[in-house]
Amino acid sequence: MKKRNRNNRLFKRPLSILLPLLFLVLILFFIFLPFQKSVVFYYENTDTLLAYLPLEKNHTFQIKYTHSIHLSDVVETYEATNNGEIRQTELEFEDFAIGMPANAGQGEKFVKEDGKYYIKNMNRVFPYIDLKVGQVRANHRLIVNGQEYEMKSFVKPGTWVRIDIEKLSFWKRMKGVNIHE
């Protein structure tokens, strides 16, 4: 009978060590597991996360700004690809002027609707987008899930940011500012 109790104690000791260790590993796994696809803003080309905004099901976002010469809005539409790249799908503008395209590229479609010009069916893929947030006229805005956010509210005007698509872990989300909140 004594032999049986001794075996039970030997069996319980490894479990008392393994269970807390397993629990700790699971917690660390969930803290560092990337899960939420987001538009992220890094300071220049560093790993300093300034801000992020989670993307919903359609994984699209837009950058809207005021053109410095003709002073009308330009809207660039992007989508996050499955491999974390950024695909430009559409360009919307109101005036032909310096810096604006006069026609669509190969495979693209140039359309005029309701006084605006569109280049649709774009398939321009970028690993990231570098942008200097406007100080004077540009008033860069990010549009995600129908909500518009002024970039100057989370990035100082004149700052160079790198816009990327990334799945963020809970840990990385704690390092940046959630634009939505």
C-alpha atoms as a PDB file:
ATOM      1  CA  MET A   1       0.000   0.000   0.000  1.00  0.00           C
ATOM      2  CA  LYS A   2       2.831   2.398   0.736  1.00  0.00           C
ATOM      3  CA  LYS A   3       4.265   1.746  -2.687  1.00  0.00           C
ATOM      4  CA  ARG A   4       1.029   2.870  -4.335  1.00  0.00           C
ATOM      5  CA  ASN A   5       0.969   6.247  -2.482  1.00  0.00           C
ATOM      6  CA  ARG A   6       4.561   6.872  -3.428  1.00  0.00           C
ATOM      7  CA  ASN A   7       3.731   6.381  -7.120  1.00  0.00           C
ATOM      8  CA  ASN A   8       0.791   8.806  -6.848  1.00  0.00           C
ATOM      9  CA  ARG A   9       3.054  11.476  -5.346  1.00  0.00           C
ATOM     10  CA  LEU A  10       5.624  11.039  -8.090  1.00  0.00           C
ATOM     11  CA  PHE A  11       2.870  11.414 -10.684  1.00  0.00           C
ATOM     12  CA  LYS A  12       1.375  14.528  -9.041  1.00  0.00           C
ATOM     13  CA  ARG A  13       4.706  16.370  -8.734  1.00  0.00           C
ATOM     14  CA  PRO A  14       5.371  16.644 -12.516  1.00  0.00           C
ATOM     15  CA  LEU A  15       1.747  17.706 -13.065  1.00  0.00           C
ATOM     16  CA  SER A  16       2.065  20.452 -10.459  1.00  0.00           C
ATOM     17  CA  ILE A  17       5.039  21.806 -12.428  1.00  0.00           C
ATOM     18  CA  LEU A  18       3.752  21.132 -15.936  1.00  0.00           C
ATOM     19  CA  LEU A  19       0.272  22.657 -15.587  1.00  0.00           C
ATOM     20  CA  PRO A  20       1.437  26.146 -14.520  1.00  0.00           C
ATOM     21  CA  LEU A  21       4.184  26.002 -17.154  1.00  0.00           C
ATOM     22  CA  LEU A  22       1.650  25.039 -19.823  1.00  0.00           C
ATOM     23  CA  PHE A  23      -0.652  27.828 -18.660  1.00  0.00           C
ATOM     24  CA  LEU A  24       2.220  30.342 -18.897  1.00  0.00           C
ATOM     25  CA  VAL A  25       3.106  29.144 -22.415  1.00  0.00           C
ATOM     26  CA  LEU A  26      -0.532  29.543 -23.503  1.00  0.00           C
ATOM     27  CA  ILE A  27      -0.712  33.083 -22.125  1.00  0.00           C
ATOM     28  CA  LEU A  28       2.524  34.040 -23.891  1.00  0.00           C
ATOM     29  CA  PHE A  29       1.242  32.439 -27.094  1.00  0.00           C
ATOM     30  CA  PHE A  30      -1.915  34.579 -27.033  1.00  0.00           C
ATOM     31  CA  ILE A  31      -0.018  37.764 -26.144  1.00  0.00           C
ATOM     32  CA  PHE A  32       2.453  37.407 -29.022  1.00  0.00           C
ATOM     33  CA  LEU A  33       0.256  35.679 -31.630  1.00  0.00           C
ATOM     34  CA  PRO A  34      -0.498  38.055 -34.543  1.00  0.00           C
ATOM     35  CA  PHE A  35      -4.246  37.951 -35.148  1.00  0.00           C
ATOM     36  CA  GLN A  36      -5.728  41.303 -36.286  1.00  0.00           C
ATOM     37  CA  LYS A  37      -4.961  42.530 -39.823  1.00  0.00           C
ATOM     38  CA  SER A  38      -4.424  46.277 -39.551  1.00  0.00           C
ATOM     39  CA  VAL A  39      -3.208  49.361 -41.373  1.00  0.00           C
ATOM     40  CA  VAL A  40      -0.119  50.348 -39.400  1.00  0.00           C
ATOM     41  CA  PHE A  41       1.890  53.569 -39.287  1.00  0.00           C
ATOM     42  CA  TYR A  42       5.583  53.352 -38.455  1.00  0.00           C
ATOM     43  CA  TYR A  43       7.880  56.278 -37.820  1.00  0.00           C
ATOM     44  CA  GLU A  44       9.926  56.543 -41.020  1.00  0.00           C
ATOM     45  CA  ASN A  45      11.523  53.183 -41.796  1.00  0.00           C
ATOM     46  CA  THR A  46      11.974  52.109 -38.175  1.00  0.00           C
ATOM     47  CA  ASP A  47      10.076  49.571 -36.098  1.00  0.00           C
ATOM     48  CA  THR A  48       8.551  52.363 -33.958  1.00  0.00           C
ATOM     49  CA  LEU A  49       4.814  51.813 -34.227  1.00  0.00           C
ATOM     50  CA  LEU A  50       2.986  55.150 -34.100  1.00  0.00           C
ATOM     51  CA  ALA A  51      -0.589  54.077 -34.756  1.00  0.00           C
ATOM     52  CA  TYR A  52      -2.750  51.338 -36.224  1.00  0.00           C
ATOM     53  CA  LEU A  53      -6.301  50.769 -37.322  1.00  0.00           C
ATOM     54  CA  PRO A  54      -7.799  47.270 -37.558  1.00  0.00           C
ATOM     55  CA  LEU A  55      -9.257  46.312 -40.923  1.00  0.00           C
ATOM     56  CA  GLU A  56     -12.605  44.602 -41.157  1.00  0.00           C
ATOM     57  CA  LYS A  57     -13.743  41.891 -43.567  1.00  0.00           C
ATOM     58  CA  ASN A  58     -13.148  43.630 -46.908  1.00  0.00           C
ATOM     59  CA  HIS A  59      -9.573  44.669 -45.943  1.00  0.00           C
ATOM     60  CA  THR A  60      -9.777  47.971 -47.840  1.00  0.00           C
ATOM     61  CA  PHE A  61      -8.814  51.497 -46.880  1.00  0.00           C
ATOM     62  CA  GLN A  62      -8.510  54.867 -48.544  1.00  0.00           C
ATOM     63  CA  ILE A  63      -6.137  57.787 -48.294  1.00  0.00           C
ATOM     64  CA  LYS A  64      -7.783  61.116 -49.002  1.00  0.00           C
ATOM     65  CA  TYR A  65      -5.943  64.403 -49.379  1.00  0.00           C
ATOM     66  CA  THR A  66      -6.301  67.873 -50.845  1.00  0.00           C
ATOM     67  CA  HIS A  67      -4.166  68.356 -53.954  1.00  0.00           C
ATOM     68  CA  SER A  68      -1.706  71.211 -53.395  1.00  0.00           C
ATOM     69  CA  ILE A  69      -2.219  72.867 -56.792  1.00  0.00           C
ATOM     70  CA  HIS A  70      -5.875  72.524 -57.750  1.00  0.00           C
ATOM     71  CA  LEU A  71      -7.061  72.307 -54.116  1.00  0.00           C
ATOM     72  CA  SER A  72      -9.635  69.544 -54.645  1.00  0.00           C
ATOM     73  CA  ASP A  73      -9.791  66.155 -52.974  1.00  0.00           C
ATOM     74  CA  VAL A  74      -8.004  63.085 -54.291  1.00  0.00           C
ATOM     75  CA  VAL A  75      -8.973  59.647 -52.987  1.00  0.00           C
ATOM     76  CA  GLU A  76      -6.711  56.617 -53.384  1.00  0.00           C
ATOM     77  CA  THR A  77      -8.298  53.231 -52.658  1.00  0.00           C
ATOM     78  CA  TYR A  78      -6.188  50.308 -51.464  1.00  0.00           C
ATOM     79  CA  GLU A  79      -6.725  46.759 -50.325  1.00  0.00           C
ATOM     80  CA  ALA A  80      -4.604  44.489 -48.184  1.00  0.00           C
ATOM     81  CA  THR A  81      -3.453  41.406 -50.060  1.00  0.00           C
ATOM     82  CA  ASN A  82      -3.250  37.980 -48.433  1.00  0.00           C
ATOM     83  CA  ASN A  83       0.548  38.194 -48.259  1.00  0.00           C
ATOM     84  CA  GLY A  84       0.603  41.592 -46.486  1.00  0.00           C
ATOM     85  CA  GLU A  85       1.191  43.828 -49.488  1.00  0.00           C
ATOM     86  CA  ILE A  86      -0.879  46.853 -50.466  1.00  0.00           C
ATOM     87  CA  ARG A  87      -2.734  46.908 -53.790  1.00  0.00           C
ATOM     88  CA  GLN A  88      -4.007  50.208 -55.189  1.00  0.00           C
ATOM     89  CA  THR A  89      -7.358  49.526 -56.845  1.00  0.00           C
ATOM     90  CA  GLU A  90      -8.762  52.978 -57.640  1.00  0.00           C
ATOM     91  CA  LEU A  91      -7.940  56.665 -57.925  1.00  0.00           C
ATOM     92  CA  GLU A  92     -10.583  59.400 -57.729  1.00  0.00           C
ATOM     93  CA  PHE A  93      -9.976  63.070 -58.518  1.00  0.00           C
ATOM     94  CA  GLU A  94     -11.838  66.175 -59.692  1.00  0.00           C
ATOM     95  CA  ASP A  95      -9.378  68.177 -61.806  1.00  0.00           C
ATOM     96  CA  PHE A  96      -6.821  67.505 -64.489  1.00  0.00           C
ATOM     97  CA  ALA A  97      -3.783  69.402 -63.384  1.00  0.00           C
ATOM     98  CA  ILE A  98      -0.124  68.981 -62.660  1.00  0.00           C
ATOM     99  CA  GLY A  99       0.489  65.670 -60.965  1.00  0.00           C
ATOM    100  CA  MET A 100      -2.765  64.007 -62.002  1.00  0.00           C
ATOM    101  CA  PRO A 101      -3.001  61.266 -64.641  1.00  0.00           C
ATOM    102  CA  ALA A 102      -4.574  62.005 -68.008  1.00  0.00           C
ATOM    103  CA  ASN A 103      -5.487  58.411 -68.760  1.00  0.00           C
ATOM    104  CA  ALA A 104      -5.571  54.871 -67.386  1.00  0.00           C
ATOM    105  CA  GLY A 105      -2.739  52.373 -67.639  1.00  0.00           C
ATOM    106  CA  GLN A 106      -2.860  48.962 -69.252  1.00  0.00           C
ATOM    107  CA  GLY A 107      -5.827  46.931 -67.971  1.00  0.00           C
ATOM    108  CA  GLU A 108      -7.219  49.916 -66.089  1.00  0.00           C
ATOM    109  CA  LYS A 109     -10.421  51.794 -66.836  1.00  0.00           C
ATOM    110  CA  PHE A 110     -10.765  55.591 -67.039  1.00  0.00           C
ATOM    111  CA  VAL A 111     -14.284  56.727 -66.095  1.00  0.00           C
ATOM    112  CA  LYS A 112     -16.014  60.092 -65.609  1.00  0.00           C
ATOM    113  CA  GLU A 113     -18.997  60.010 -63.226  1.00  0.00           C
ATOM    114  CA  ASP A 114     -20.825  62.859 -61.493  1.00  0.00           C
ATOM    115  CA  GLY A 115     -18.131  65.412 -62.344  1.00  0.00           C
ATOM    116  CA  LYS A 116     -15.305  63.252 -60.977  1.00  0.00           C
ATOM    117  CA  TYR A 117     -12.671  61.199 -62.751  1.00  0.00           C
ATOM    118  CA  TYR A 118     -11.835  57.657 -61.746  1.00  0.00           C
ATOM    119  CA  ILE A 119      -9.171  55.215 -62.703  1.00  0.00           C
ATOM    120  CA  LYS A 120     -10.605  51.818 -61.823  1.00  0.00           C
ATOM    121  CA  ASN A 121      -9.393  48.221 -62.036  1.00  0.00           C
ATOM    122  CA  MET A 122      -5.954  49.286 -60.881  1.00  0.00           C
ATOM    123  CA  ASN A 123      -3.588  46.532 -59.837  1.00  0.00           C
ATOM    124  CA  ARG A 124      -0.577  48.388 -58.513  1.00  0.00           C
ATOM    125  CA  VAL A 125       1.066  46.443 -55.689  1.00  0.00           C
ATOM    126  CA  PHE A 126       3.398  47.946 -53.091  1.00  0.00           C
ATOM    127  CA  PRO A 127       5.194  46.357 -50.118  1.00  0.00           C
ATOM    128  CA  TYR A 128       4.385  49.554 -48.152  1.00  0.00           C
ATOM    129  CA  ILE A 129       3.618  53.240 -48.742  1.00  0.00           C
ATOM    130  CA  ASP A 130       5.927  56.023 -47.593  1.00  0.00           C
ATOM    131  CA  LEU A 131       4.092  59.282 -46.955  1.00  0.00           C
ATOM    132  CA  LYS A 132       5.003  62.656 -45.530  1.00  0.00           C
ATOM    133  CA  VAL A 133       1.922  63.852 -43.662  1.00  0.00           C
ATOM    134  CA  GLY A 134       0.974  67.281 -45.012  1.00  0.00           C
ATOM    135  CA  GLN A 135       1.655  70.388 -42.951  1.00  0.00           C
ATOM    136  CA  VAL A 136      -0.299  72.995 -44.902  1.00  0.00           C
ATOM    137  CA  ARG A 137      -2.962  72.004 -47.433  1.00  0.00           C
ATOM    138  CA  ALA A 138      -2.913  68.256 -47.868  1.00  0.00           C
ATOM    139  CA  ASN A 139      -4.969  67.416 -44.771  1.00  0.00           C
ATOM    140  CA  HIS A 140      -4.294  63.688 -45.211  1.00  0.00           C
ATOM    141  CA  ARG A 141      -7.125  61.486 -44.017  1.00  0.00           C
ATOM    142  CA  LEU A 142      -7.441  57.746 -43.596  1.00  0.00           C
ATOM    143  CA  ILE A 143     -10.792  56.156 -44.377  1.00  0.00           C
ATOM    144  CA  VAL A 144     -11.453  52.669 -43.022  1.00  0.00           C
ATOM    145  CA  ASN A 145     -14.801  50.934 -42.651  1.00  0.00           C
ATOM    146  CA  GLY A 146     -16.618  54.147 -43.625  1.00  0.00           C
ATOM    147  CA  GLN A 147     -14.951  56.199 -40.880  1.00  0.00           C
ATOM    148  CA  GLU A 148     -12.664  59.121 -41.759  1.00  0.00           C
ATOM    149  CA  TYR A 149      -9.680  59.957 -39.514  1.00  0.00           C
ATOM    150  CA  GLU A 150      -7.430  62.993 -39.913  1.00  0.00           C
ATOM    151  CA  MET A 151      -3.842  61.757 -39.911  1.00  0.00           C
ATOM    152  CA  LYS A 152      -2.689  64.866 -38.066  1.00  0.00           C
ATOM    153  CA  SER A 153      -4.679  63.606 -35.060  1.00  0.00           C
ATOM    154  CA  PHE A 154      -2.296  60.645 -34.629  1.00  0.00           C
ATOM    155  CA  VAL A 155       0.825  61.702 -36.598  1.00  0.00           C
ATOM    156  CA  LYS A 156       2.485  65.098 -36.297  1.00  0.00           C
ATOM    157  CA  PRO A 157       2.192  67.040 -39.598  1.00  0.00           C
ATOM    158  CA  GLY A 158       5.458  66.969 -41.548  1.00  0.00           C
ATOM    159  CA  THR A 159       6.332  63.499 -40.251  1.00  0.00           C
ATOM    160  CA  TRP A 160       7.423  60.809 -42.685  1.00  0.00           C
ATOM    161  CA  VAL A 161       5.492  57.609 -42.014  1.00  0.00           C
ATOM    162  CA  ARG A 162       5.614  54.161 -43.512  1.00  0.00           C
ATOM    163  CA  ILE A 163       2.134  52.714 -44.011  1.00  0.00           C
ATOM    164  CA  ASP A 164       2.036  48.944 -43.964  1.00  0.00           C
ATOM    165  CA  ILE A 165      -0.359  46.036 -43.573  1.00  0.00           C
ATOM    166  CA  GLU A 166       0.367  43.773 -40.685  1.00  0.00           C
ATOM    167  CA  LYS A 167      -1.303  41.274 -38.415  1.00  0.00           C
ATOM    168  CA  LEU A 168      -0.789  42.646 -34.934  1.00  0.00           C
ATOM    169  CA  SER A 169      -0.441  40.721 -31.723  1.00  0.00           C
ATOM    170  CA  PHE A 170      -1.885  41.984 -28.456  1.00  0.00           C
ATOM    171  CA  TRP A 171       1.655  42.938 -27.382  1.00  0.00           C
ATOM    172  CA  LYS A 172       2.348  45.008 -30.510  1.00  0.00           C
ATOM    173  CA  ARG A 173      -1.055  46.691 -30.278  1.00  0.00           C
ATOM    174  CA  MET A 174      -0.079  47.928 -26.808  1.00  0.00           C
ATOM    175  CA  LYS A 175       2.935  49.738 -28.338  1.00  0.00           C
ATOM    176  CA  GLY A 176       0.901  51.911 -30.741  1.00  0.00           C
ATOM    177  CA  VAL A 177      -2.202  54.074 -30.700  1.00  0.00           C
ATOM    178  CA  ASN A 178      -5.437  52.560 -31.940  1.00  0.00           C
ATOM    179  CA  ILE A 179      -6.736  55.322 -34.187  1.00  0.00           C
ATOM    180  CA  HIS A 180     -10.335  54.221 -33.666  1.00  0.00           C
ATOM    181  CA  GLU A 181     -10.240  54.675 -29.889  1.00  0.00           C
END
